[in-house]
PDB file of N, CA and C in Angstrom:
ATOM      1  N   UNK A   1      92.569 -15.470 147.232  1.00  0.00           N
ATOM      2  CA  UNK A   1      92.380 -14.535 146.804  1.00  0.00           C
ATOM      3  C   UNK A   1      91.979 -14.293 148.777  1.00  0.00           C
ATOM      4  N   UNK A   2      93.210 -12.714 148.850  1.00  0.00           N
ATOM      5  CA  UNK A   2      93.505 -12.105 150.511  1.00  0.00           C
ATOM      6  C   UNK A   2      91.815 -11.293 150.081  1.00  0.00           C
ATOM      7  N   UNK A   3      90.945 -10.275 151.290  1.00  0.00           N
ATOM      8  CA  UNK A   3      90.833  -9.199 151.354  1.00  0.00           C
ATOM      9  C   UNK A   3      90.870  -8.683 152.290  1.00  0.00           C
ATOM     10  N   UNK A   4      91.219  -7.324 152.339  1.00  0.00           N
ATOM     11  CA  UNK A   4      90.678  -6.703 153.838  1.00  0.00           C
ATOM     12  C   UNK A   4      89.870  -6.585 154.253  1.00  0.00           C
ATOM     13  N   UNK A   5      89.793  -6.398 155.675  1.00  0.00           N
ATOM     14  CA  UNK A   5      88.716  -6.723 156.468  1.00  0.00           C
ATOM     15  C   UNK A   5      88.128  -6.191 157.174  1.00  0.00           C
ATOM     16  N   UNK A   6      86.720  -5.566 156.972  1.00  0.00           N
ATOM     17  CA  UNK A   6      86.704  -4.439 158.008  1.00  0.00           C
ATOM     18  C   UNK A   6      85.251  -4.443 158.401  1.00  0.00           C
ATOM     19  N   UNK A   7      85.782  -3.870 159.895  1.00  0.00           N
ATOM     20  CA  UNK A   7      84.156  -4.093 160.958  1.00  0.00           C
ATOM     21  C   UNK A   7      83.386  -2.366 161.162  1.00  0.00           C
ATOM     22  N   UNK A   8      82.477  -3.029 160.905  1.00  0.00           N
ATOM     23  CA  UNK A   8      81.191  -1.512 160.535  1.00  0.00           C
ATOM     24  C   UNK A   8      81.080  -1.952 162.116  1.00  0.00           C
ATOM     25  N   UNK A   9      79.715  -0.891 162.307  1.00  0.00           N
ATOM     26  CA  UNK A   9      79.099  -0.815 163.370  1.00  0.00           C
ATOM     27  C   UNK A   9      77.312  -0.162 162.868  1.00  0.00           C
ATOM     28  N   UNK A  10      76.105  -0.816 163.473  1.00  0.00           N
ATOM     29  CA  UNK A  10      75.383  -0.153 163.678  1.00  0.00           C
ATOM     30  C   UNK A  10      74.797   0.409 164.350  1.00  0.00           C
ATOM     31  N   UNK A  11      74.785   1.279 164.508  1.00  0.00           N
ATOM     32  CA  UNK A  11      73.966   2.660 165.805  1.00  0.00           C
ATOM     33  C   UNK A  11      72.589   3.540 165.378  1.00  0.00           C
ATOM     34  N   UNK A  12      72.130   2.782 165.934  1.00  0.00           N
ATOM     35  CA  UNK A  12      70.414   3.132 166.097  1.00  0.00           C
ATOM     36  C   UNK A  12      69.755   4.581 167.230  1.00  0.00           C
ATOM     37  N   UNK A  13      69.225   5.651 166.854  1.00  0.00           N
ATOM     38  CA  UNK A  13      68.844   6.296 168.332  1.00  0.00           C
ATOM     39  C   UNK A  13      67.609   7.002 167.500  1.00  0.00           C
ATOM     40  N   UNK A  14      66.226   6.418 168.347  1.00  0.00           N
ATOM     41  CA  UNK A  14      65.114   7.229 167.555  1.00  0.00           C
ATOM     42  C   UNK A  14      65.091   7.134 166.452  1.00  0.00           C
ATOM     43  N   UNK A  15      65.092   5.977 166.068  1.00  0.00           N
ATOM     44  CA  UNK A  15      64.607   5.946 164.768  1.00  0.00           C
ATOM     45  C   UNK A  15      65.531   6.231 163.480  1.00  0.00           C
ATOM     46  N   UNK A  16      66.280   6.406 164.120  1.00  0.00           N
ATOM     47  CA  UNK A  16      67.814   7.303 162.776  1.00  0.00           C
ATOM     48  C   UNK A  16      69.025   6.157 162.773  1.00  0.00           C
ATOM     49  N   UNK A  17      69.512   5.972 162.015  1.00  0.00           N
ATOM     50  CA  UNK A  17      71.029   5.276 161.866  1.00  0.00           C
ATOM     51  C   UNK A  17      72.415   6.451 162.150  1.00  0.00           C
ATOM     52  N   UNK A  18      73.438   6.386 162.273  1.00  0.00           N
ATOM     53  CA  UNK A  18      74.591   7.054 162.584  1.00  0.00           C
ATOM     54  C   UNK A  18      75.184   6.232 161.247  1.00  0.00           C
ATOM     55  N   UNK A  19      75.262   7.722 160.827  1.00  0.00           N
ATOM     56  CA  UNK A  19      76.386   7.420 159.350  1.00  0.00           C
ATOM     57  C   UNK A  19      76.983   8.339 159.074  1.00  0.00           C
ATOM     58  N   UNK A  20      78.474   7.895 158.780  1.00  0.00           N
ATOM     59  CA  UNK A  20      79.528   8.680 157.818  1.00  0.00           C
ATOM     60  C   UNK A  20      79.838   8.861 156.676  1.00  0.00           C
ATOM     61  N   UNK A  21      79.903  10.194 156.029  1.00  0.00           N
ATOM     62  CA  UNK A  21      79.976   9.877 154.615  1.00  0.00           C
ATOM     63  C   UNK A  21      81.857  10.029 153.955  1.00  0.00           C
ATOM     64  N   UNK A  22      81.794   9.391 153.760  1.00  0.00           N
ATOM     65  CA  UNK A  22      83.626   9.346 152.879  1.00  0.00           C
ATOM     66  C   UNK A  22      83.724   9.897 151.347  1.00  0.00           C
ATOM     67  N   UNK A  23      85.075  10.007 151.754  1.00  0.00           N
ATOM     68  CA  UNK A  23      85.776  11.201 150.511  1.00  0.00           C
ATOM     69  C   UNK A  23      85.130  10.528 149.360  1.00  0.00           C
ATOM     70  N   UNK A  24      84.657   9.418 148.986  1.00  0.00           N
ATOM     71  CA  UNK A  24      83.927   8.888 148.115  1.00  0.00           C
ATOM     72  C   UNK A  24      82.446   9.367 147.988  1.00  0.00           C
ATOM     73  N   UNK A  25      82.256   9.922 148.885  1.00  0.00           N
ATOM     74  CA  UNK A  25      81.109  10.868 149.235  1.00  0.00           C
ATOM     75  C   UNK A  25      79.904  10.003 149.332  1.00  0.00           C
ATOM     76  N   UNK A  26      80.130   8.995 149.539  1.00  0.00           N
ATOM     77  CA  UNK A  26      79.370   7.824 149.755  1.00  0.00           C
ATOM     78  C   UNK A  26      78.834   8.021 151.456  1.00  0.00           C
ATOM     79  N   UNK A  27      77.448   7.384 151.773  1.00  0.00           N
ATOM     80  CA  UNK A  27      77.554   7.175 153.450  1.00  0.00           C
ATOM     81  C   UNK A  27      78.097   5.755 154.020  1.00  0.00           C
ATOM     82  N   UNK A  28      78.493   5.759 155.135  1.00  0.00           N
ATOM     83  CA  UNK A  28      79.014   4.388 155.333  1.00  0.00           C
ATOM     84  C   UNK A  28      78.725   4.008 157.136  1.00  0.00           C
ATOM     85  N   UNK A  29      78.698   3.025 157.729  1.00  0.00           N
ATOM     86  CA  UNK A  29      78.710   2.748 158.453  1.00  0.00           C
ATOM     87  C   UNK A  29      80.248   3.233 159.551  1.00  0.00           C
ATOM     88  N   UNK A  30      80.067   3.415 160.691  1.00  0.00           N
ATOM     89  CA  UNK A  30      81.259   3.791 161.232  1.00  0.00           C
ATOM     90  C   UNK A  30      82.191   2.348 160.968  1.00  0.00           C
ATOM     91  N   UNK A  31      83.125   2.641 161.612  1.00  0.00           N
ATOM     92  CA  UNK A  31      84.297   1.084 161.750  1.00  0.00           C
ATOM     93  C   UNK A  31      85.626   1.365 160.822  1.00  0.00           C
ATOM     94  N   UNK A  32      86.261   0.805 160.941  1.00  0.00           N
ATOM     95  CA  UNK A  32      87.579  -0.263 160.240  1.00  0.00           C
ATOM     96  C   UNK A  32      88.051  -1.162 160.123  1.00  0.00           C
ATOM     97  N   UNK A  33      89.320  -1.302 159.240  1.00  0.00           N
ATOM     98  CA  UNK A  33      90.889  -2.383 159.509  1.00  0.00           C
ATOM     99  C   UNK A  33      90.676  -3.189 160.944  1.00  0.00           C
ATOM    100  N   UNK A  34      90.676  -4.296 160.321  1.00  0.00           N
ATOM    101  CA  UNK A  34      90.522  -4.977 161.145  1.00  0.00           C
ATOM    102  C   UNK A  34      92.596  -5.538 161.699  1.00  0.00           C
ATOM    103  N   UNK A  35      93.276  -4.583 162.509  1.00  0.00           N
ATOM    104  CA  UNK A  35      94.492  -5.593 162.874  1.00  0.00           C
ATOM    105  C   UNK A  35      95.141  -5.957 163.025  1.00  0.00           C
ATOM    106  N   UNK A  36      95.657  -7.073 162.758  1.00  0.00           N
ATOM    107  CA  UNK A  36      96.469  -8.279 162.695  1.00  0.00           C
ATOM    108  C   UNK A  36      96.577  -8.901 164.586  1.00  0.00           C
ATOM    109  N   UNK A  37      96.022  -9.666 164.907  1.00  0.00           N
ATOM    110  CA  UNK A  37      95.810 -10.741 166.234  1.00  0.00           C
ATOM    111  C   UNK A  37      94.698  -9.439 167.167  1.00  0.00           C
ATOM    112  N   UNK A  38      93.978  -8.433 165.899  1.00  0.00           N
ATOM    113  CA  UNK A  38      92.747  -7.614 167.531  1.00  0.00           C
ATOM    114  C   UNK A  38      91.669  -8.872 166.493  1.00  0.00           C
ATOM    115  N   UNK A  39      90.597  -8.979 167.933  1.00  0.00           N
ATOM    116  CA  UNK A  39      89.364  -9.296 167.854  1.00  0.00           C
ATOM    117  C   UNK A  39      88.324  -8.423 167.176  1.00  0.00           C
ATOM    118  N   UNK A  40      87.294  -8.765 166.699  1.00  0.00           N
ATOM    119  CA  UNK A  40      86.592  -8.049 165.292  1.00  0.00           C
ATOM    120  C   UNK A  40      85.419  -7.160 166.710  1.00  0.00           C
ATOM    121  N   UNK A  41      85.027  -7.613 167.896  1.00  0.00           N
ATOM    122  CA  UNK A  41      84.570  -6.400 168.975  1.00  0.00           C
ATOM    123  C   UNK A  41      85.295  -5.458 168.812  1.00  0.00           C
ATOM    124  N   UNK A  42      86.572  -5.778 169.567  1.00  0.00           N
ATOM    125  CA  UNK A  42      87.850  -4.897 169.961  1.00  0.00           C
ATOM    126  C   UNK A  42      87.485  -4.123 169.029  1.00  0.00           C
ATOM    127  N   UNK A  43      88.259  -4.220 167.619  1.00  0.00           N
ATOM    128  CA  UNK A  43      88.691  -2.928 166.413  1.00  0.00           C
ATOM    129  C   UNK A  43      87.504  -2.366 166.470  1.00  0.00           C
ATOM    130  N   UNK A  44      86.650  -2.892 166.096  1.00  0.00           N
ATOM    131  CA  UNK A  44      84.848  -1.989 166.149  1.00  0.00           C
ATOM    132  C   UNK A  44      85.001  -0.704 167.585  1.00  0.00           C
ATOM    133  N   UNK A  45      85.354  -1.251 168.680  1.00  0.00           N
ATOM    134  CA  UNK A  45      84.939  -0.338 170.023  1.00  0.00           C
ATOM    135  C   UNK A  45      85.957   0.880 169.780  1.00  0.00           C
ATOM    136  N   UNK A  46      87.152   0.563 169.242  1.00  0.00           N
ATOM    137  CA  UNK A  46      88.425   1.614 168.619  1.00  0.00           C
ATOM    138  C   UNK A  46      88.131   2.637 168.335  1.00  0.00           C
ATOM    139  N   UNK A  47      87.552   1.564 166.911  1.00  0.00           N
ATOM    140  CA  UNK A  47      87.718   3.042 165.379  1.00  0.00           C
ATOM    141  C   UNK A  47      86.474   3.699 165.976  1.00  0.00           C
ATOM    142  N   UNK A  48      85.752   2.616 166.582  1.00  0.00           N
ATOM    143  CA  UNK A  48      84.061   4.160 166.464  1.00  0.00           C
ATOM    144  C   UNK A  48      84.381   5.050 167.499  1.00  0.00           C
ATOM    145  N   UNK A  49      85.676   4.998 169.132  1.00  0.00           N
ATOM    146  CA  UNK A  49      86.030   5.822 169.553  1.00  0.00           C
ATOM    147  C   UNK A  49      87.222   6.585 168.534  1.00  0.00           C
ATOM    148  N   UNK A  50      87.538   6.289 167.965  1.00  0.00           N
ATOM    149  CA  UNK A  50      88.451   6.476 166.936  1.00  0.00           C
ATOM    150  C   UNK A  50      87.915   7.876 165.993  1.00  0.00           C
ATOM    151  N   UNK A  51      86.724   7.303 165.431  1.00  0.00           N
ATOM    152  CA  UNK A  51      86.322   8.081 164.710  1.00  0.00           C
ATOM    153  C   UNK A  51      84.746   9.173 165.147  1.00  0.00           C
ATOM    154  N   UNK A  52      84.102   8.303 166.324  1.00  0.00           N
ATOM    155  CA  UNK A  52      83.335   8.836 166.409  1.00  0.00           C
ATOM    156  C   UNK A  52      83.687  10.134 167.667  1.00  0.00           C
ATOM    157  N   UNK A  53      84.501   9.583 168.466  1.00  0.00           N
ATOM    158  CA  UNK A  53      84.852  10.041 169.758  1.00  0.00           C
ATOM    159  C   UNK A  53      83.761   9.299 170.642  1.00  0.00           C
ATOM    160  N   UNK A  54      83.259   8.174 170.660  1.00  0.00           N
ATOM    161  CA  UNK A  54      81.578   7.501 171.407  1.00  0.00           C
ATOM    162  C   UNK A  54      82.550   6.266 172.210  1.00  0.00           C
ATOM    163  N   UNK A  55      81.762   6.543 173.401  1.00  0.00           N
ATOM    164  CA  UNK A  55      82.292   4.965 173.588  1.00  0.00           C
ATOM    165  C   UNK A  55      80.263   4.114 173.364  1.00  0.00           C
ATOM    166  N   UNK A  56      80.422   2.490 172.867  1.00  0.00           N
ATOM    167  CA  UNK A  56      79.975   2.013 172.407  1.00  0.00           C
ATOM    168  C   UNK A  56      79.801   0.621 173.089  1.00  0.00           C
ATOM    169  N   UNK A  57      78.779  -0.304 172.949  1.00  0.00           N
ATOM    170  CA  UNK A  57      78.616  -1.627 173.164  1.00  0.00           C
ATOM    171  C   UNK A  57      78.755  -2.869 171.769  1.00  0.00           C
ATOM    172  N   UNK A  58      79.258  -3.276 171.973  1.00  0.00           N
ATOM    173  CA  UNK A  58      79.428  -4.458 170.592  1.00  0.00           C
ATOM    174  C   UNK A  58      78.197  -5.338 171.029  1.00  0.00           C
ATOM    175  N   UNK A  59      76.560  -5.772 170.570  1.00  0.00           N
ATOM    176  CA  UNK A  59      75.388  -6.278 170.812  1.00  0.00           C
ATOM    177  C   UNK A  59      75.640  -7.923 169.996  1.00  0.00           C
ATOM    178  N   UNK A  60      75.284  -7.853 168.571  1.00  0.00           N
ATOM    179  CA  UNK A  60      75.791  -9.101 167.793  1.00  0.00           C
ATOM    180  C   UNK A  60      75.254  -8.521 166.181  1.00  0.00           C
ATOM    181  N   UNK A  61      76.667  -9.827 166.513  1.00  0.00           N
ATOM    182  CA  UNK A  61      76.927  -9.806 164.782  1.00  0.00           C
ATOM    183  C   UNK A  61      75.571  -9.914 163.896  1.00  0.00           C
ATOM    184  N   UNK A  62      75.431  -8.889 162.980  1.00  0.00           N
ATOM    185  CA  UNK A  62      74.310  -8.980 161.915  1.00  0.00           C
ATOM    186  C   UNK A  62      74.368  -9.384 160.427  1.00  0.00           C
ATOM    187  N   UNK A  63      75.619  -9.131 159.846  1.00  0.00           N
ATOM    188  CA  UNK A  63      75.849  -9.838 158.563  1.00  0.00           C
ATOM    189  C   UNK A  63      77.292  -9.461 158.223  1.00  0.00           C
ATOM    190  N   UNK A  64      77.303 -10.459 157.305  1.00  0.00           N
ATOM    191  CA  UNK A  64      79.037 -10.502 156.408  1.00  0.00           C
ATOM    192  C   UNK A  64      78.789 -10.077 154.966  1.00  0.00           C
ATOM    193  N   UNK A  65      80.085  -9.526 154.123  1.00  0.00           N
ATOM    194  CA  UNK A  65      79.307  -9.921 152.391  1.00  0.00           C
ATOM    195  C   UNK A  65      80.878  -8.792 152.125  1.00  0.00           C
ATOM    196  N   UNK A  66      81.111  -8.821 150.611  1.00  0.00           N
ATOM    197  CA  UNK A  66      81.867  -8.756 150.102  1.00  0.00           C
ATOM    198  C   UNK A  66      81.849  -7.492 149.172  1.00  0.00           C
ATOM    199  N   UNK A  67      82.621  -6.165 149.319  1.00  0.00           N
ATOM    200  CA  UNK A  67      82.179  -5.235 149.102  1.00  0.00           C
ATOM    201  C   UNK A  67      83.152  -4.030 147.997  1.00  0.00           C
ATOM    202  N   UNK A  68      82.694  -4.091 146.573  1.00  0.00           N
ATOM    203  CA  UNK A  68      84.110  -3.737 145.642  1.00  0.00           C
ATOM    204  C   UNK A  68      84.109  -2.742 145.846  1.00  0.00           C
ATOM    205  N   UNK A  69      85.317  -1.662 146.790  1.00  0.00           N
ATOM    206  CA  UNK A  69      85.055  -0.040 147.377  1.00  0.00           C
ATOM    207  C   UNK A  69      85.297   0.497 145.444  1.00  0.00           C
ATOM    208  N   UNK A  70      86.599   0.367 144.926  1.00  0.00           N
ATOM    209  CA  UNK A  70      86.844   0.252 143.976  1.00  0.00           C
ATOM    210  C   UNK A  70      86.921  -0.367 142.735  1.00  0.00           C
ATOM    211  N   UNK A  71      86.567  -0.493 141.687  1.00  0.00           N
ATOM    212  CA  UNK A  71      87.033  -1.705 140.580  1.00  0.00           C
ATOM    213  C   UNK A  71      88.598  -2.537 141.105  1.00  0.00           C
ATOM    214  N   UNK A  72      87.860  -3.591 141.452  1.00  0.00           N
ATOM    215  CA  UNK A  72      89.222  -4.702 141.383  1.00  0.00           C
ATOM    216  C   UNK A  72      89.539  -4.278 142.749  1.00  0.00           C
ATOM    217  N   UNK A  73      89.170  -3.675 143.682  1.00  0.00           N
ATOM    218  CA  UNK A  73      89.041  -3.772 145.128  1.00  0.00           C
ATOM    219  C   UNK A  73      88.548  -4.241 146.185  1.00  0.00           C
ATOM    220  N   UNK A  74      88.256  -5.233 146.447  1.00  0.00           N
ATOM    221  CA  UNK A  74      87.513  -5.906 147.455  1.00  0.00           C
ATOM    222  C   UNK A  74      87.492  -5.727 149.263  1.00  0.00           C
ATOM    223  N   UNK A  75      86.603  -5.641 150.023  1.00  0.00           N
ATOM    224  CA  UNK A  75      87.306  -5.562 151.080  1.00  0.00           C
ATOM    225  C   UNK A  75      86.100  -6.662 151.526  1.00  0.00           C
ATOM    226  N   UNK A  76      86.039  -7.076 152.442  1.00  0.00           N
ATOM    227  CA  UNK A  76      85.086  -8.346 153.496  1.00  0.00           C
ATOM    228  C   UNK A  76      85.086  -7.184 154.720  1.00  0.00           C
ATOM    229  N   UNK A  77      83.184  -7.160 154.313  1.00  0.00           N
ATOM    230  CA  UNK A  77      82.924  -6.725 155.874  1.00  0.00           C
ATOM    231  C   UNK A  77      82.173  -7.139 156.466  1.00  0.00           C
ATOM    232  N   UNK A  78      82.221  -6.871 157.294  1.00  0.00           N
ATOM    233  CA  UNK A  78      81.592  -7.470 158.858  1.00  0.00           C
ATOM    234  C   UNK A  78      80.931  -6.669 159.899  1.00  0.00           C
ATOM    235  N   UNK A  79      79.974  -6.588 160.039  1.00  0.00           N
ATOM    236  CA  UNK A  79      78.715  -5.701 160.496  1.00  0.00           C
ATOM    237  C   UNK A  79      78.407  -6.230 161.956  1.00  0.00           C
ATOM    238  N   UNK A  80      78.298  -5.485 163.340  1.00  0.00           N
ATOM    239  CA  UNK A  80      77.590  -5.613 164.483  1.00  0.00           C
ATOM    240  C   UNK A  80      76.540  -4.255 164.406  1.00  0.00           C
ATOM    241  N   UNK A  81      75.498  -4.929 165.118  1.00  0.00           N
ATOM    242  CA  UNK A  81      74.644  -3.832 165.839  1.00  0.00           C
ATOM    243  C   UNK A  81      75.612  -3.562 167.124  1.00  0.00           C
ATOM    244  N   UNK A  82      75.646  -2.070 167.169  1.00  0.00           N
ATOM    245  CA  UNK A  82      75.999  -1.313 168.559  1.00  0.00           C
ATOM    246  C   UNK A  82      75.081  -0.937 169.070  1.00  0.00           C
ATOM    247  N   UNK A  83      75.765  -0.514 170.404  1.00  0.00           N
ATOM    248  CA  UNK A  83      74.777   0.520 171.599  1.00  0.00           C
ATOM    249  C   UNK A  83      75.229   1.173 171.481  1.00  0.00           C
ATOM    250  N   UNK A  84      75.152   2.775 172.012  1.00  0.00           N
ATOM    251  CA  UNK A  84      75.877   3.624 173.224  1.00  0.00           C
ATOM    252  C   UNK A  84      74.654   4.242 173.515  1.00  0.00           C
ATOM    253  N   UNK A  85      75.273   4.977 174.885  1.00  0.00           N
ATOM    254  CA  UNK A  85      74.253   5.637 175.970  1.00  0.00           C
ATOM    255  C   UNK A  85      74.789   7.324 175.967  1.00  0.00           C
ATOM    256  N   UNK A  86      76.070   7.297 175.073  1.00  0.00           N
ATOM    257  CA  UNK A  86      76.154   8.569 175.667  1.00  0.00           C
ATOM    258  C   UNK A  86      76.552   9.762 174.476  1.00  0.00           C
ATOM    259  N   UNK A  87      75.997  10.259 173.883  1.00  0.00           N
ATOM    260  CA  UNK A  87      76.131  11.242 172.670  1.00  0.00           C
ATOM    261  C   UNK A  87      76.772  11.773 172.791  1.00  0.00           C
ATOM    262  N   UNK A  88      76.984  12.761 173.323  1.00  0.00           N
ATOM    263  CA  UNK A  88      77.466  14.359 174.195  1.00  0.00           C
ATOM    264  C   UNK A  88      79.111  14.786 173.359  1.00  0.00           C
ATOM    265  N   UNK A  89      79.391  13.592 173.462  1.00  0.00           N
ATOM    266  CA  UNK A  89      80.935  14.387 173.252  1.00  0.00           C
ATOM    267  C   UNK A  89      81.114  13.806 171.324  1.00  0.00           C
ATOM    268  N   UNK A  90      80.299  13.278 170.585  1.00  0.00           N
ATOM    269  CA  UNK A  90      80.087  13.139 169.628  1.00  0.00           C
ATOM    270  C   UNK A  90      80.665  13.955 168.581  1.00  0.00           C
ATOM    271  N   UNK A  91      82.083  13.231 167.909  1.00  0.00           N
ATOM    272  CA  UNK A  91      82.740  13.944 167.192  1.00  0.00           C
ATOM    273  C   UNK A  91      83.387  13.901 165.866  1.00  0.00           C
ATOM    274  N   UNK A  92      83.425  14.194 164.972  1.00  0.00           N
ATOM    275  CA  UNK A  92      84.185  13.096 163.485  1.00  0.00           C
ATOM    276  C   UNK A  92      85.440  13.163 163.757  1.00  0.00           C
ATOM    277  N   UNK A  93      86.264  12.083 162.992  1.00  0.00           N
ATOM    278  CA  UNK A  93      87.684  12.524 162.832  1.00  0.00           C
ATOM    279  C   UNK A  93      87.834  12.820 161.391  1.00  0.00           C
ATOM    280  N   UNK A  94      88.703  13.381 161.334  1.00  0.00           N
ATOM    281  CA  UNK A  94      89.088  13.879 159.745  1.00  0.00           C
ATOM    282  C   UNK A  94      89.307  12.303 158.843  1.00  0.00           C
ATOM    283  N   UNK A  95      88.955  11.710 159.213  1.00  0.00           N
ATOM    284  CA  UNK A  95      88.807  10.529 158.158  1.00  0.00           C
ATOM    285  C   UNK A  95      87.460  10.581 157.740  1.00  0.00           C
ATOM    286  N   UNK A  96      86.857  11.527 158.019  1.00  0.00           N
ATOM    287  CA  UNK A  96      85.312  11.710 156.967  1.00  0.00           C
ATOM    288  C   UNK A  96      84.883  12.884 156.910  1.00  0.00           C
ATOM    289  N   UNK A  97      84.570  13.214 155.438  1.00  0.00           N
ATOM    290  CA  UNK A  97      83.550  14.903 156.038  1.00  0.00           C
ATOM    291  C   UNK A  97      82.326  15.006 156.516  1.00  0.00           C
ATOM    292  N   UNK A  98      81.868  14.194 156.696  1.00  0.00           N
ATOM    293  CA  UNK A  98      80.462  14.916 158.183  1.00  0.00           C
ATOM    294  C   UNK A  98      80.354  13.329 158.155  1.00  0.00           C
ATOM    295  N   UNK A  99      79.271  13.365 159.516  1.00  0.00           N
ATOM    296  CA  UNK A  99      78.209  12.639 159.582  1.00  0.00           C
ATOM    297  C   UNK A  99      77.003  13.224 159.813  1.00  0.00           C
ATOM    298  N   UNK A 100      75.900  11.938 159.628  1.00  0.00           N
ATOM    299  CA  UNK A 100      74.370  12.124 160.258  1.00  0.00           C
ATOM    300  C   UNK A 100      73.787  11.261 160.796  1.00  0.00           C
ATOM    301  N   UNK A 101      72.909  11.498 160.968  1.00  0.00           N
ATOM    302  CA  UNK A 101      71.500  10.766 161.798  1.00  0.00           C
ATOM    303  C   UNK A 101      70.389  10.653 160.630  1.00  0.00           C
ATOM    304  N   UNK A 102      70.743   9.246 160.240  1.00  0.00           N
ATOM    305  CA  UNK A 102      69.144   8.960 158.773  1.00  0.00           C
ATOM    306  C   UNK A 102      68.234   8.388 159.439  1.00  0.00           C
ATOM    307  N   UNK A 103      67.456   8.870 158.555  1.00  0.00           N
ATOM    308  CA  UNK A 103      65.749   8.226 159.316  1.00  0.00           C
ATOM    309  C   UNK A 103      65.826   7.123 158.740  1.00  0.00           C
ATOM    310  N   UNK A 104      65.271   5.933 159.334  1.00  0.00           N
ATOM    311  CA  UNK A 104      65.464   3.996 158.811  1.00  0.00           C
ATOM    312  C   UNK A 104      64.256   4.832 157.499  1.00  0.00           C
ATOM    313  N   UNK A 105      63.444   5.227 157.673  1.00  0.00           N
ATOM    314  CA  UNK A 105      62.691   5.494 156.365  1.00  0.00           C
ATOM    315  C   UNK A 105      62.785   6.290 155.352  1.00  0.00           C
ATOM    316  N   UNK A 106      64.380   6.527 155.674  1.00  0.00           N
ATOM    317  CA  UNK A 106      65.113   8.056 154.329  1.00  0.00           C
ATOM    318  C   UNK A 106      66.687   7.016 153.698  1.00  0.00           C
ATOM    319  N   UNK A 107      66.214   5.433 154.292  1.00  0.00           N
ATOM    320  CA  UNK A 107      67.589   5.404 154.101  1.00  0.00           C
ATOM    321  C   UNK A 107      67.999   5.207 152.928  1.00  0.00           C
ATOM    322  N   UNK A 108      66.728   4.993 151.787  1.00  0.00           N
ATOM    323  CA  UNK A 108      66.928   4.375 150.707  1.00  0.00           C
ATOM    324  C   UNK A 108      67.010   5.505 150.145  1.00  0.00           C
ATOM    325  N   UNK A 109      66.725   6.519 150.289  1.00  0.00           N
ATOM    326  CA  UNK A 109      66.998   7.802 149.312  1.00  0.00           C
ATOM    327  C   UNK A 109      68.762   8.296 149.268  1.00  0.00           C
ATOM    328  N   UNK A 110      69.364   7.601 150.583  1.00  0.00           N
ATOM    329  CA  UNK A 110      70.475   8.120 150.624  1.00  0.00           C
ATOM    330  C   UNK A 110      71.747   7.384 149.939  1.00  0.00           C
ATOM    331  N   UNK A 111      72.918   7.921 149.710  1.00  0.00           N
ATOM    332  CA  UNK A 111      73.604   7.534 148.648  1.00  0.00           C
ATOM    333  C   UNK A 111      74.467   6.496 150.038  1.00  0.00           C
ATOM    334  N   UNK A 112      74.023   5.555 149.426  1.00  0.00           N
ATOM    335  CA  UNK A 112      75.025   4.401 151.019  1.00  0.00           C
ATOM    336  C   UNK A 112      75.057   3.329 149.370  1.00  0.00           C
ATOM    337  N   UNK A 113      75.837   2.250 150.099  1.00  0.00           N
ATOM    338  CA  UNK A 113      76.344   1.241 149.029  1.00  0.00           C
ATOM    339  C   UNK A 113      74.951  -0.398 150.026  1.00  0.00           C
ATOM    340  N   UNK A 114      74.457  -0.693 148.069  1.00  0.00           N
ATOM    341  CA  UNK A 114      73.477  -1.782 148.750  1.00  0.00           C
ATOM    342  C   UNK A 114      73.193  -2.799 149.982  1.00  0.00           C
ATOM    343  N   UNK A 115      75.141  -3.062 150.156  1.00  0.00           N
ATOM    344  CA  UNK A 115      75.594  -3.922 151.269  1.00  0.00           C
ATOM    345  C   UNK A 115      75.292  -3.369 152.991  1.00  0.00           C
ATOM    346  N   UNK A 116      75.074  -2.356 152.941  1.00  0.00           N
ATOM    347  CA  UNK A 116      75.149  -1.247 153.934  1.00  0.00           C
ATOM    348  C   UNK A 116      73.716  -1.026 154.315  1.00  0.00           C
ATOM    349  N   UNK A 117      72.794  -0.859 153.381  1.00  0.00           N
ATOM    350  CA  UNK A 117      71.357  -0.734 153.236  1.00  0.00           C
ATOM    351  C   UNK A 117      70.937  -2.201 154.106  1.00  0.00           C
ATOM    352  N   UNK A 118      71.353  -3.442 152.975  1.00  0.00           N
ATOM    353  CA  UNK A 118      70.758  -4.925 153.340  1.00  0.00           C
ATOM    354  C   UNK A 118      71.183  -4.725 155.046  1.00  0.00           C
ATOM    355  N   UNK A 119      71.710  -4.600 155.334  1.00  0.00           N
ATOM    356  CA  UNK A 119      72.719  -4.852 156.578  1.00  0.00           C
ATOM    357  C   UNK A 119      71.652  -4.294 157.663  1.00  0.00           C
ATOM    358  N   UNK A 120      71.540  -3.273 157.767  1.00  0.00           N
ATOM    359  CA  UNK A 120      70.767  -2.126 158.098  1.00  0.00           C
ATOM    360  C   UNK A 120      69.582  -2.390 158.562  1.00  0.00           C
ATOM    361  N   UNK A 121      69.182  -3.205 157.925  1.00  0.00           N
ATOM    362  CA  UNK A 121      67.103  -3.602 157.270  1.00  0.00           C
ATOM    363  C   UNK A 121      67.310  -4.997 158.592  1.00  0.00           C
ATOM    364  N   UNK A 122      68.638  -5.477 158.409  1.00  0.00           N
ATOM    365  CA  UNK A 122      67.976  -7.231 159.304  1.00  0.00           C
ATOM    366  C   UNK A 122      67.961  -6.552 160.577  1.00  0.00           C
ATOM    367  N   UNK A 123      68.468  -5.487 161.114  1.00  0.00           N
ATOM    368  CA  UNK A 123      68.303  -5.191 162.831  1.00  0.00           C
ATOM    369  C   UNK A 123      66.839  -5.051 162.680  1.00  0.00           C
ATOM    370  N   UNK A 124      66.620  -3.753 161.887  1.00  0.00           N
ATOM    371  CA  UNK A 124      64.668  -3.293 162.305  1.00  0.00           C
ATOM    372  C   UNK A 124      63.918  -4.070 161.799  1.00  0.00           C
TER     373      UNK A 124
END
């Protein structure tokens, strides 16, 4: 069985993690689909620029897991820790309905899939 691959980034600033709200009304990490022949780190840099209009540095691999997005539809998720120095131009694309800086202490109360939570807690 083949799964699409989605590369996601954990970005933390002042004990808050940057999340995006998708069309399913779930919070998720920024990132997206790996294109054929593309390196995962390059994919993440490209996706963060497209989704948030910011530049980042991919620091380290954090986690991998399979997410069932919808019944019968699974995606292989690869999570990296990223650092960004400048958020002054941060603006979300039309792919998401909003972004938020969610306090690490309040993450569990957020509407975020458990796999993302587990990955974030591996970093902090």
